Amino acid sequence: MLALRRLFPATARSFSTTAQRRSAPAAKASPSPPVLSEGEQIIHDKLAAKFSPSQLLVQDVSGGCGTFYAITISSNAFKGLPIVKQHKLVTETLKSDIEGFHGLQIKTIAT
């Protein structure tokens, strides 16, 4: 470490300071409710109406252009069904919407 300080004194000190900051416990902020984009809201509303989920998370993961969504949904409607059938129910519900998507990531949970 002493040799590094002689060669790169500012870098060695900066690294020490950064390492200390990263190891300090971060203050936890209370999460604010997510604000859904228009596309997220449409998907959310359709899935909520169809499946009455106990958990539903819809995220536009395309960077905001509305072409790739990640959906996590937990519902009694999936109980006893294989995952492929659960996903098919979701995609059938969103059939008219997903025609313009580049991708869709679905995670279903039977409750």
PDB file of N, CA and C in Angstrom:
ATOM      1  N   MET A   1       0.838  -1.195   0.000  1.00  0.00           N
ATOM      2  CA  MET A   1       0.000   0.000   0.000  1.00  0.00           C
ATOM      3  C   MET A   1       0.873   1.245   0.000  1.00  0.00           C
ATOM      4  N   LEU A   2       1.989   1.210   0.745  1.00  0.00           N
ATOM      5  CA  LEU A   2       2.888   2.344   0.807  1.00  0.00           C
ATOM      6  C   LEU A   2       3.469   2.631  -0.567  1.00  0.00           C
ATOM      7  N   ALA A   3       3.822   1.576  -1.318  1.00  0.00           N
ATOM      8  CA  ALA A   3       4.358   1.759  -2.666  1.00  0.00           C
ATOM      9  C   ALA A   3       3.309   2.389  -3.579  1.00  0.00           C
ATOM     10  N   LEU A   4       2.062   1.989  -3.445  1.00  0.00           N
ATOM     11  CA  LEU A   4       0.995   2.584  -4.249  1.00  0.00           C
ATOM     12  C   LEU A   4       0.805   4.058  -3.924  1.00  0.00           C
ATOM     13  N   ARG A   5       0.930   4.393  -2.648  1.00  0.00           N
ATOM     14  CA  ARG A   5       0.761   5.798  -2.253  1.00  0.00           C
ATOM     15  C   ARG A   5       1.873   6.667  -2.823  1.00  0.00           C
ATOM     16  N   ARG A   6       3.070   6.106  -2.917  1.00  0.00           N
ATOM     17  CA  ARG A   6       4.173   6.889  -3.485  1.00  0.00           C
ATOM     18  C   ARG A   6       3.933   7.102  -4.981  1.00  0.00           C
ATOM     19  N   LEU A   7       3.481   6.056  -5.683  1.00  0.00           N
ATOM     20  CA  LEU A   7       3.269   6.171  -7.117  1.00  0.00           C
ATOM     21  C   LEU A   7       1.994   6.932  -7.463  1.00  0.00           C
ATOM     22  N   PHE A   8       0.944   6.650  -6.721  1.00  0.00           N
ATOM     23  CA  PHE A   8      -0.365   7.258  -6.996  1.00  0.00           C
ATOM     24  C   PHE A   8      -0.985   7.754  -5.696  1.00  0.00           C
ATOM     25  N   PRO A   9      -0.466   8.819  -5.128  1.00  0.00           N
ATOM     26  CA  PRO A   9      -0.956   9.248  -3.816  1.00  0.00           C
ATOM     27  C   PRO A   9      -2.443   9.601  -3.793  1.00  0.00           C
ATOM     28  N   ALA A  10      -2.940  10.300  -4.777  1.00  0.00           N
ATOM     29  CA  ALA A  10      -4.351  10.696  -4.773  1.00  0.00           C
ATOM     30  C   ALA A  10      -5.259   9.483  -4.964  1.00  0.00           C
ATOM     31  N   THR A  11      -4.864   8.567  -5.832  1.00  0.00           N
ATOM     32  CA  THR A  11      -5.679   7.390  -6.101  1.00  0.00           C
ATOM     33  C   THR A  11      -5.778   6.504  -4.877  1.00  0.00           C
ATOM     34  N   ALA A  12      -4.672   6.293  -4.183  1.00  0.00           N
ATOM     35  CA  ALA A  12      -4.679   5.427  -3.007  1.00  0.00           C
ATOM     36  C   ALA A  12      -5.584   5.998  -1.932  1.00  0.00           C
ATOM     37  N   ARG A  13      -5.516   7.303  -1.701  1.00  0.00           N
ATOM     38  CA  ARG A  13      -6.380   7.913  -0.693  1.00  0.00           C
ATOM     39  C   ARG A  13      -7.842   7.872  -1.130  1.00  0.00           C
ATOM     40  N   SER A  14      -8.086   8.130  -2.389  1.00  0.00           N
ATOM     41  CA  SER A  14      -9.445   8.107  -2.895  1.00  0.00           C
ATOM     42  C   SER A  14     -10.062   6.722  -2.760  1.00  0.00           C
ATOM     43  N   PHE A  15      -9.276   5.686  -3.047  1.00  0.00           N
ATOM     44  CA  PHE A  15      -9.757   4.322  -2.924  1.00  0.00           C
ATOM     45  C   PHE A  15     -10.126   4.005  -1.480  1.00  0.00           C
ATOM     46  N   SER A  16      -9.287   4.418  -0.527  1.00  0.00           N
ATOM     47  CA  SER A  16      -9.574   4.163   0.884  1.00  0.00           C
ATOM     48  C   SER A  16     -10.889   4.825   1.291  1.00  0.00           C
ATOM     49  N   THR A  17     -11.067   6.056   0.903  1.00  0.00           N
ATOM     50  CA  THR A  17     -12.276   6.780   1.258  1.00  0.00           C
ATOM     51  C   THR A  17     -13.502   6.114   0.645  1.00  0.00           C
ATOM     52  N   THR A  18     -13.401   5.723  -0.618  1.00  0.00           N
ATOM     53  CA  THR A  18     -14.517   5.073  -1.293  1.00  0.00           C
ATOM     54  C   THR A  18     -14.858   3.762  -0.622  1.00  0.00           C
ATOM     55  N   ALA A  19     -13.856   2.979  -0.278  1.00  0.00           N
ATOM     56  CA  ALA A  19     -14.088   1.690   0.366  1.00  0.00           C
ATOM     57  C   ALA A  19     -14.796   1.874   1.697  1.00  0.00           C
ATOM     58  N   GLN A  20     -14.426   2.902   2.447  1.00  0.00           N
ATOM     59  CA  GLN A  20     -15.069   3.141   3.730  1.00  0.00           C
ATOM     60  C   GLN A  20     -16.528   3.549   3.539  1.00  0.00           C
ATOM     61  N   ARG A  21     -16.794   4.372   2.538  1.00  0.00           N
ATOM     62  CA  ARG A  21     -18.171   4.789   2.298  1.00  0.00           C
ATOM     63  C   ARG A  21     -19.051   3.615   1.897  1.00  0.00           C
ATOM     64  N   ARG A  22     -18.520   2.705   1.115  1.00  0.00           N
ATOM     65  CA  ARG A  22     -19.322   1.571   0.667  1.00  0.00           C
ATOM     66  C   ARG A  22     -19.631   0.605   1.798  1.00  0.00           C
ATOM     67  N   SER A  23     -18.738   0.503   2.766  1.00  0.00           N
ATOM     68  CA  SER A  23     -18.955  -0.447   3.848  1.00  0.00           C
ATOM     69  C   SER A  23     -19.882   0.102   4.925  1.00  0.00           C
ATOM     70  N   ALA A  24     -20.106   1.400   4.936  1.00  0.00           N
ATOM     71  CA  ALA A  24     -21.004   1.988   5.928  1.00  0.00           C
ATOM     72  C   ALA A  24     -22.435   1.593   5.604  1.00  0.00           C
ATOM     73  N   PRO A  25     -23.249   1.297   6.629  1.00  0.00           N
ATOM     74  CA  PRO A  25     -24.638   0.918   6.356  1.00  0.00           C
ATOM     75  C   PRO A  25     -25.403   2.081   5.746  1.00  0.00           C
ATOM     76  N   ALA A  26     -26.170   1.785   4.736  1.00  0.00           N
ATOM     77  CA  ALA A  26     -26.950   2.808   4.050  1.00  0.00           C
ATOM     78  C   ALA A  26     -28.249   3.048   4.809  1.00  0.00           C
ATOM     79  N   ALA A  27     -28.657   4.293   4.833  1.00  0.00           N
ATOM     80  CA  ALA A  27     -29.931   4.631   5.470  1.00  0.00           C
ATOM     81  C   ALA A  27     -31.060   4.120   4.598  1.00  0.00           C
ATOM     82  N   LYS A  28     -32.050   3.512   5.210  1.00  0.00           N
ATOM     83  CA  LYS A  28     -33.182   2.978   4.455  1.00  0.00           C
ATOM     84  C   LYS A  28     -34.253   4.051   4.313  1.00  0.00           C
ATOM     85  N   ALA A  29     -34.604   4.313   3.074  1.00  0.00           N
ATOM     86  CA  ALA A  29     -35.675   5.267   2.812  1.00  0.00           C
ATOM     87  C   ALA A  29     -36.957   4.483   2.601  1.00  0.00           C
ATOM     88  N   SER A  30     -38.050   5.050   3.027  1.00  0.00           N
ATOM     89  CA  SER A  30     -39.317   4.351   2.829  1.00  0.00           C
ATOM     90  C   SER A  30     -39.677   4.402   1.348  1.00  0.00           C
ATOM     91  N   PRO A  31     -40.015   3.256   0.766  1.00  0.00           N
ATOM     92  CA  PRO A  31     -40.313   3.239  -0.666  1.00  0.00           C
ATOM     93  C   PRO A  31     -41.619   3.952  -0.970  1.00  0.00           C
ATOM     94  N   SER A  32     -41.596   4.740  -2.029  1.00  0.00           N
ATOM     95  CA  SER A  32     -42.827   5.406  -2.432  1.00  0.00           C
ATOM     96  C   SER A  32     -43.538   4.503  -3.435  1.00  0.00           C
ATOM     97  N   PRO A  33     -44.855   4.582  -3.514  1.00  0.00           N
ATOM     98  CA  PRO A  33     -45.576   3.722  -4.445  1.00  0.00           C
ATOM     99  C   PRO A  33     -45.150   4.036  -5.877  1.00  0.00           C
ATOM    100  N   PRO A  34     -44.973   2.994  -6.688  1.00  0.00           N
ATOM    101  CA  PRO A  34     -44.522   3.235  -8.055  1.00  0.00           C
ATOM    102  C   PRO A  34     -45.603   3.919  -8.886  1.00  0.00           C
ATOM    103  N   VAL A  35     -45.169   4.776  -9.765  1.00  0.00           N
ATOM    104  CA  VAL A  35     -46.074   5.439 -10.693  1.00  0.00           C
ATOM    105  C   VAL A  35     -45.953   4.686 -12.010  1.00  0.00           C
ATOM    106  N   LEU A  36     -47.059   4.181 -12.508  1.00  0.00           N
ATOM    107  CA  LEU A  36     -47.040   3.374 -13.715  1.00  0.00           C
ATOM    108  C   LEU A  36     -47.148   4.245 -14.963  1.00  0.00           C
ATOM    109  N   SER A  37     -46.425   3.834 -16.006  1.00  0.00           N
ATOM    110  CA  SER A  37     -46.574   4.503 -17.295  1.00  0.00           C
ATOM    111  C   SER A  37     -47.928   4.111 -17.878  1.00  0.00           C
ATOM    112  N   GLU A  38     -48.307   4.722 -18.976  1.00  0.00           N
ATOM    113  CA  GLU A  38     -49.601   4.405 -19.593  1.00  0.00           C
ATOM    114  C   GLU A  38     -49.679   2.936 -20.001  1.00  0.00           C
ATOM    115  N   GLY A  39     -48.611   2.433 -20.625  1.00  0.00           N
ATOM    116  CA  GLY A  39     -48.588   1.032 -21.039  1.00  0.00           C
ATOM    117  C   GLY A  39     -48.636   0.082 -19.859  1.00  0.00           C
ATOM    118  N   GLU A  40     -47.882   0.391 -18.809  1.00  0.00           N
ATOM    119  CA  GLU A  40     -47.890  -0.433 -17.599  1.00  0.00           C
ATOM    120  C   GLU A  40     -49.276  -0.453 -16.966  1.00  0.00           C
ATOM    121  N   GLN A  41     -49.928   0.692 -16.945  1.00  0.00           N
ATOM    122  CA  GLN A  41     -51.256   0.803 -16.339  1.00  0.00           C
ATOM    123  C   GLN A  41     -52.286  -0.030 -17.098  1.00  0.00           C
ATOM    124  N   ILE A  42     -52.217  -0.004 -18.419  1.00  0.00           N
ATOM    125  CA  ILE A  42     -53.155  -0.790 -19.235  1.00  0.00           C
ATOM    126  C   ILE A  42     -52.992  -2.274 -18.935  1.00  0.00           C
ATOM    127  N   ILE A  43     -51.755  -2.744 -18.931  1.00  0.00           N
ATOM    128  CA  ILE A  43     -51.474  -4.157 -18.646  1.00  0.00           C
ATOM    129  C   ILE A  43     -51.913  -4.498 -17.228  1.00  0.00           C
ATOM    130  N   HIS A  44     -51.567  -3.646 -16.282  1.00  0.00           N
ATOM    131  CA  HIS A  44     -51.925  -3.859 -14.874  1.00  0.00           C
ATOM    132  C   HIS A  44     -53.431  -4.001 -14.711  1.00  0.00           C
ATOM    133  N   ASP A  45     -54.189  -3.094 -15.314  1.00  0.00           N
ATOM    134  CA  ASP A  45     -55.645  -3.106 -15.177  1.00  0.00           C
ATOM    135  C   ASP A  45     -56.265  -4.377 -15.760  1.00  0.00           C
ATOM    136  N   LYS A  46     -55.792  -4.797 -16.928  1.00  0.00           N
ATOM    137  CA  LYS A  46     -56.334  -6.003 -17.555  1.00  0.00           C
ATOM    138  C   LYS A  46     -56.049  -7.245 -16.716  1.00  0.00           C
ATOM    139  N   LEU A  47     -54.819  -7.375 -16.233  1.00  0.00           N
ATOM    140  CA  LEU A  47     -54.461  -8.545 -15.431  1.00  0.00           C
ATOM    141  C   LEU A  47     -55.171  -8.535 -14.080  1.00  0.00           C
ATOM    142  N   ALA A  48     -55.305  -7.361 -13.481  1.00  0.00           N
ATOM    143  CA  ALA A  48     -55.994  -7.257 -12.191  1.00  0.00           C
ATOM    144  C   ALA A  48     -57.465  -7.649 -12.339  1.00  0.00           C
ATOM    145  N   ALA A  49     -58.087  -7.223 -13.409  1.00  0.00           N
ATOM    146  CA  ALA A  49     -59.499  -7.550 -13.636  1.00  0.00           C
ATOM    147  C   ALA A  49     -59.695  -9.042 -13.895  1.00  0.00           C
ATOM    148  N   LYS A  50     -58.794  -9.649 -14.622  1.00  0.00           N
ATOM    149  CA  LYS A  50     -58.942 -11.052 -15.019  1.00  0.00           C
ATOM    150  C   LYS A  50     -58.581 -12.034 -13.901  1.00  0.00           C
ATOM    151  N   PHE A  51     -57.500 -11.743 -13.139  1.00  0.00           N
ATOM    152  CA  PHE A  51     -56.962 -12.731 -12.204  1.00  0.00           C
ATOM    153  C   PHE A  51     -57.132 -12.387 -10.721  1.00  0.00           C
ATOM    154  N   SER A  52     -57.588 -11.209 -10.367  1.00  0.00           N
ATOM    155  CA  SER A  52     -57.678 -10.775  -8.967  1.00  0.00           C
ATOM    156  C   SER A  52     -56.420 -11.191  -8.198  1.00  0.00           C
ATOM    157  N   PRO A  53     -55.264 -10.718  -8.621  1.00  0.00           N
ATOM    158  CA  PRO A  53     -53.999 -11.192  -8.038  1.00  0.00           C
ATOM    159  C   PRO A  53     -53.746 -10.667  -6.632  1.00  0.00           C
ATOM    160  N   SER A  54     -53.010 -11.470  -5.858  1.00  0.00           N
ATOM    161  CA  SER A  54     -52.567 -11.017  -4.543  1.00  0.00           C
ATOM    162  C   SER A  54     -51.292 -10.190  -4.688  1.00  0.00           C
ATOM    163  N   GLN A  55     -50.590 -10.376  -5.792  1.00  0.00           N
ATOM    164  CA  GLN A  55     -49.394  -9.590  -6.104  1.00  0.00           C
ATOM    165  C   GLN A  55     -49.378  -9.368  -7.610  1.00  0.00           C
ATOM    166  N   LEU A  56     -49.099  -8.147  -8.026  1.00  0.00           N
ATOM    167  CA  LEU A  56     -49.001  -7.834  -9.447  1.00  0.00           C
ATOM    168  C   LEU A  56     -47.994  -6.718  -9.642  1.00  0.00           C
ATOM    169  N   LEU A  57     -46.959  -7.015 -10.399  1.00  0.00           N
ATOM    170  CA  LEU A  57     -45.921  -6.035 -10.698  1.00  0.00           C
ATOM    171  C   LEU A  57     -45.735  -6.004 -12.207  1.00  0.00           C
ATOM    172  N   VAL A  58     -45.899  -4.845 -12.792  1.00  0.00           N
ATOM    173  CA  VAL A  58     -45.719  -4.651 -14.226  1.00  0.00           C
ATOM    174  C   VAL A  58     -44.661  -3.580 -14.409  1.00  0.00           C
ATOM    175  N   GLN A  59     -43.595  -3.914 -15.142  1.00  0.00           N
ATOM    176  CA  GLN A  59     -42.504  -2.965 -15.353  1.00  0.00           C
ATOM    177  C   GLN A  59     -42.152  -2.883 -16.826  1.00  0.00           C
ATOM    178  N   ASP A  60     -42.040  -1.665 -17.330  1.00  0.00           N
ATOM    179  CA  ASP A  60     -41.530  -1.432 -18.680  1.00  0.00           C
ATOM    180  C   ASP A  60     -40.007  -1.473 -18.564  1.00  0.00           C
ATOM    181  N   VAL A  61     -39.395  -2.540 -19.045  1.00  0.00           N
ATOM    182  CA  VAL A  61     -37.946  -2.703 -18.937  1.00  0.00           C
ATOM    183  C   VAL A  61     -37.247  -2.397 -20.262  1.00  0.00           C
ATOM    184  N   SER A  62     -37.954  -1.698 -21.139  1.00  0.00           N
ATOM    185  CA  SER A  62     -37.392  -1.354 -22.446  1.00  0.00           C
ATOM    186  C   SER A  62     -36.717   0.015 -22.423  1.00  0.00           C
ATOM    187  N   GLY A  63     -36.678   0.633 -21.276  1.00  0.00           N
ATOM    188  CA  GLY A  63     -36.110   1.969 -21.205  1.00  0.00           C
ATOM    189  C   GLY A  63     -37.155   3.052 -21.407  1.00  0.00           C
ATOM    190  N   GLY A  64     -38.412   2.669 -21.354  1.00  0.00           N
ATOM    191  CA  GLY A  64     -39.488   3.649 -21.444  1.00  0.00           C
ATOM    192  C   GLY A  64     -40.195   3.708 -22.783  1.00  0.00           C
ATOM    193  N   CYS A  65     -39.772   2.902 -23.755  1.00  0.00           N
ATOM    194  CA  CYS A  65     -40.429   2.983 -25.066  1.00  0.00           C
ATOM    195  C   CYS A  65     -41.620   2.035 -25.193  1.00  0.00           C
ATOM    196  N   GLY A  66     -41.872   1.198 -24.170  1.00  0.00           N
ATOM    197  CA  GLY A  66     -43.060   0.358 -24.154  1.00  0.00           C
ATOM    198  C   GLY A  66     -43.017  -0.848 -25.064  1.00  0.00           C
ATOM    199  N   THR A  67     -41.830  -1.412 -25.270  1.00  0.00           N
ATOM    200  CA  THR A  67     -41.738  -2.569 -26.165  1.00  0.00           C
ATOM    201  C   THR A  67     -41.318  -3.855 -25.460  1.00  0.00           C
ATOM    202  N   PHE A  68     -40.964  -3.772 -24.187  1.00  0.00           N
ATOM    203  CA  PHE A  68     -40.569  -4.969 -23.438  1.00  0.00           C
ATOM    204  C   PHE A  68     -41.044  -4.793 -22.001  1.00  0.00           C
ATOM    205  N   TYR A  69     -41.848  -5.735 -21.541  1.00  0.00           N
ATOM    206  CA  TYR A  69     -42.401  -5.656 -20.192  1.00  0.00           C
ATOM    207  C   TYR A  69     -42.027  -6.883 -19.380  1.00  0.00           C
ATOM    208  N   ALA A  70     -41.853  -6.670 -18.091  1.00  0.00           N
ATOM    209  CA  ALA A  70     -41.644  -7.760 -17.138  1.00  0.00           C
ATOM    210  C   ALA A  70     -42.852  -7.771 -16.205  1.00  0.00           C
ATOM    211  N   ILE A  71     -43.477  -8.931 -16.090  1.00  0.00           N
ATOM    212  CA  ILE A  71     -44.695  -9.069 -15.285  1.00  0.00           C
ATOM    213  C   ILE A  71     -44.486 -10.152 -14.248  1.00  0.00           C
ATOM    214  N   THR A  72     -44.799  -9.832 -13.007  1.00  0.00           N
ATOM    215  CA  THR A  72     -44.841 -10.815 -11.928  1.00  0.00           C
ATOM    216  C   THR A  72     -46.260 -10.788 -11.387  1.00  0.00           C
ATOM    217  N   ILE A  73     -46.898 -11.948 -11.388  1.00  0.00           N
ATOM    218  CA  ILE A  73     -48.293 -12.010 -10.948  1.00  0.00           C
ATOM    219  C   ILE A  73     -48.511 -13.261 -10.104  1.00  0.00           C
ATOM    220  N   SER A  74     -49.181 -13.062  -8.987  1.00  0.00           N
ATOM    221  CA  SER A  74     -49.502 -14.157  -8.068  1.00  0.00           C
ATOM    222  C   SER A  74     -51.017 -14.220  -7.920  1.00  0.00           C
ATOM    223  N   SER A  75     -51.586 -15.406  -8.218  1.00  0.00           N
ATOM    224  CA  SER A  75     -53.039 -15.519  -8.201  1.00  0.00           C
ATOM    225  C   SER A  75     -53.489 -16.946  -7.914  1.00  0.00           C
ATOM    226  N   ASN A  76     -54.672 -17.065  -7.332  1.00  0.00           N
ATOM    227  CA  ASN A  76     -55.302 -18.375  -7.128  1.00  0.00           C
ATOM    228  C   ASN A  76     -55.690 -19.017  -8.457  1.00  0.00           C
ATOM    229  N   ALA A  77     -55.866 -18.221  -9.479  1.00  0.00           N
ATOM    230  CA  ALA A  77     -56.265 -18.735 -10.790  1.00  0.00           C
ATOM    231  C   ALA A  77     -55.223 -19.685 -11.381  1.00  0.00           C
ATOM    232  N   PHE A  78     -54.000 -19.629 -10.887  1.00  0.00           N
ATOM    233  CA  PHE A  78     -52.925 -20.475 -11.411  1.00  0.00           C
ATOM    234  C   PHE A  78     -52.759 -21.779 -10.631  1.00  0.00           C
ATOM    235  N   LYS A  79     -53.515 -21.919  -9.557  1.00  0.00           N
ATOM    236  CA  LYS A  79     -53.367 -23.086  -8.692  1.00  0.00           C
ATOM    237  C   LYS A  79     -53.639 -24.389  -9.463  1.00  0.00           C
ATOM    238  N   GLY A  80     -52.678 -25.316  -9.365  1.00  0.00           N
ATOM    239  CA  GLY A  80     -52.810 -26.624  -9.992  1.00  0.00           C
ATOM    240  C   GLY A  80     -52.474 -26.660 -11.475  1.00  0.00           C
ATOM    241  N   LEU A  81     -52.109 -25.519 -12.054  1.00  0.00           N
ATOM    242  CA  LEU A  81     -51.783 -25.468 -13.480  1.00  0.00           C
ATOM    243  C   LEU A  81     -50.272 -25.475 -13.700  1.00  0.00           C
ATOM    244  N   PRO A  82     -49.812 -26.140 -14.760  1.00  0.00           N
ATOM    245  CA  PRO A  82     -48.383 -26.063 -15.079  1.00  0.00           C
ATOM    246  C   PRO A  82     -48.008 -24.637 -15.482  1.00  0.00           C
ATOM    247  N   ILE A  83     -46.750 -24.295 -15.350  1.00  0.00           N
ATOM    248  CA  ILE A  83     -46.284 -22.933 -15.642  1.00  0.00           C
ATOM    249  C   ILE A  83     -46.619 -22.520 -17.072  1.00  0.00           C
ATOM    250  N   VAL A  84     -46.468 -23.439 -18.018  1.00  0.00           N
ATOM    251  CA  VAL A  84     -46.771 -23.109 -19.418  1.00  0.00           C
ATOM    252  C   VAL A  84     -48.228 -22.670 -19.566  1.00  0.00           C
ATOM    253  N   LYS A  85     -49.133 -23.341 -18.905  1.00  0.00           N
ATOM    254  CA  LYS A  85     -50.562 -23.000 -18.965  1.00  0.00           C
ATOM    255  C   LYS A  85     -50.816 -21.660 -18.254  1.00  0.00           C
ATOM    256  N   GLN A  86     -50.129 -21.427 -17.138  1.00  0.00           N
ATOM    257  CA  GLN A  86     -50.261 -20.151 -16.422  1.00  0.00           C
ATOM    258  C   GLN A  86     -49.843 -18.995 -17.328  1.00  0.00           C
ATOM    259  N   HIS A  87     -48.704 -19.158 -18.000  1.00  0.00           N
ATOM    260  CA  HIS A  87     -48.207 -18.104 -18.885  1.00  0.00           C
ATOM    261  C   HIS A  87     -49.141 -17.903 -20.080  1.00  0.00           C
ATOM    262  N   LYS A  88     -49.716 -18.994 -20.570  1.00  0.00           N
ATOM    263  CA  LYS A  88     -50.646 -18.896 -21.691  1.00  0.00           C
ATOM    264  C   LYS A  88     -51.880 -18.085 -21.304  1.00  0.00           C
ATOM    265  N   LEU A  89     -52.367 -18.269 -20.069  1.00  0.00           N
ATOM    266  CA  LEU A  89     -53.506 -17.481 -19.601  1.00  0.00           C
ATOM    267  C   LEU A  89     -53.177 -15.988 -19.604  1.00  0.00           C
ATOM    268  N   VAL A  90     -51.971 -15.660 -19.173  1.00  0.00           N
ATOM    269  CA  VAL A  90     -51.546 -14.252 -19.137  1.00  0.00           C
ATOM    270  C   VAL A  90     -51.433 -13.702 -20.555  1.00  0.00           C
ATOM    271  N   THR A  91     -50.777 -14.445 -21.442  1.00  0.00           N
ATOM    272  CA  THR A  91     -50.597 -13.942 -22.810  1.00  0.00           C
ATOM    273  C   THR A  91     -51.921 -13.846 -23.561  1.00  0.00           C
ATOM    274  N   GLU A  92     -52.853 -14.755 -23.301  1.00  0.00           N
ATOM    275  CA  GLU A  92     -54.172 -14.665 -23.931  1.00  0.00           C
ATOM    276  C   GLU A  92     -54.917 -13.422 -23.460  1.00  0.00           C
ATOM    277  N   THR A  93     -54.745 -13.073 -22.195  1.00  0.00           N
ATOM    278  CA  THR A  93     -55.383 -11.876 -21.644  1.00  0.00           C
ATOM    279  C   THR A  93     -54.834 -10.613 -22.299  1.00  0.00           C
ATOM    280  N   LEU A  94     -53.563 -10.629 -22.642  1.00  0.00           N
ATOM    281  CA  LEU A  94     -52.897  -9.454 -23.211  1.00  0.00           C
ATOM    282  C   LEU A  94     -52.698  -9.554 -24.725  1.00  0.00           C
ATOM    283  N   LYS A  95     -53.400 -10.494 -25.365  1.00  0.00           N
ATOM    284  CA  LYS A  95     -53.171 -10.801 -26.776  1.00  0.00           C
ATOM    285  C   LYS A  95     -53.136  -9.563 -27.672  1.00  0.00           C
ATOM    286  N   SER A  96     -54.112  -8.699 -27.557  1.00  0.00           N
ATOM    287  CA  SER A  96     -54.164  -7.520 -28.430  1.00  0.00           C
ATOM    288  C   SER A  96     -53.049  -6.522 -28.118  1.00  0.00           C
ATOM    289  N   ASP A  97     -52.574  -6.519 -26.885  1.00  0.00           N
ATOM    290  CA  ASP A  97     -51.527  -5.577 -26.486  1.00  0.00           C
ATOM    291  C   ASP A  97     -50.130  -6.052 -26.879  1.00  0.00           C
ATOM    292  N   ILE A  98     -49.887  -7.348 -26.790  1.00  0.00           N
ATOM    293  CA  ILE A  98     -48.519  -7.837 -26.985  1.00  0.00           C
ATOM    294  C   ILE A  98     -48.116  -7.958 -28.455  1.00  0.00           C
ATOM    295  N   GLU A  99     -49.034  -7.706 -29.360  1.00  0.00           N
ATOM    296  CA  GLU A  99     -48.689  -7.747 -30.780  1.00  0.00           C
ATOM    297  C   GLU A  99     -47.571  -6.773 -31.119  1.00  0.00           C
ATOM    298  N   GLY A 100     -47.508  -5.641 -30.439  1.00  0.00           N
ATOM    299  CA  GLY A 100     -46.487  -4.630 -30.719  1.00  0.00           C
ATOM    300  C   GLY A 100     -45.263  -4.724 -29.830  1.00  0.00           C
ATOM    301  N   PHE A 101     -45.204  -5.693 -28.947  1.00  0.00           N
ATOM    302  CA  PHE A 101     -44.060  -5.836 -28.036  1.00  0.00           C
ATOM    303  C   PHE A 101     -42.902  -6.540 -28.731  1.00  0.00           C
ATOM    304  N   HIS A 102     -41.700  -6.233 -28.303  1.00  0.00           N
ATOM    305  CA  HIS A 102     -40.518  -6.974 -28.733  1.00  0.00           C
ATOM    306  C   HIS A 102     -40.264  -8.140 -27.790  1.00  0.00           C
ATOM    307  N   GLY A 103     -40.680  -7.983 -26.549  1.00  0.00           N
ATOM    308  CA  GLY A 103     -40.452  -9.051 -25.585  1.00  0.00           C
ATOM    309  C   GLY A 103     -41.362  -8.929 -24.378  1.00  0.00           C
ATOM    310  N   LEU A 104     -41.548 -10.060 -23.729  1.00  0.00           N
ATOM    311  CA  LEU A 104     -42.388 -10.123 -22.542  1.00  0.00           C
ATOM    312  C   LEU A 104     -41.814 -11.173 -21.606  1.00  0.00           C
ATOM    313  N   GLN A 105     -41.545 -10.760 -20.387  1.00  0.00           N
ATOM    314  CA  GLN A 105     -41.036 -11.676 -19.364  1.00  0.00           C
ATOM    315  C   GLN A 105     -42.159 -11.878 -18.354  1.00  0.00           C
ATOM    316  N   ILE A 106     -42.532 -13.137 -18.137  1.00  0.00           N
ATOM    317  CA  ILE A 106     -43.650 -13.423 -17.250  1.00  0.00           C
ATOM    318  C   ILE A 106     -43.190 -14.355 -16.124  1.00  0.00           C
ATOM    319  N   LYS A 107     -43.547 -13.982 -14.906  1.00  0.00           N
ATOM    320  CA  LYS A 107     -43.325 -14.846 -13.755  1.00  0.00           C
ATOM    321  C   LYS A 107     -44.673 -14.999 -13.068  1.00  0.00           C
ATOM    322  N   THR A 108     -45.177 -16.219 -13.029  1.00  0.00           N
ATOM    323  CA  THR A 108     -46.457 -16.480 -12.383  1.00  0.00           C
ATOM    324  C   THR A 108     -46.232 -17.273 -11.105  1.00  0.00           C
ATOM    325  N   ILE A 109     -47.066 -17.013 -10.123  1.00  0.00           N
ATOM    326  CA  ILE A 109     -46.993 -17.702  -8.835  1.00  0.00           C
ATOM    327  C   ILE A 109     -48.405 -18.130  -8.461  1.00  0.00           C
ATOM    328  N   ALA A 110     -48.584 -19.418  -8.221  1.00  0.00           N
ATOM    329  CA  ALA A 110     -49.886 -19.920  -7.793  1.00  0.00           C
ATOM    330  C   ALA A 110     -49.991 -19.768  -6.277  1.00  0.00           C
ATOM    331  N   THR A 111     -51.074 -19.146  -5.826  1.00  0.00           N
ATOM    332  CA  THR A 111     -51.237 -18.957  -4.372  1.00  0.00           C
ATOM    333  C   THR A 111     -52.397 -19.770  -3.846  1.00  0.00           C
TER     334      THR A 111
END
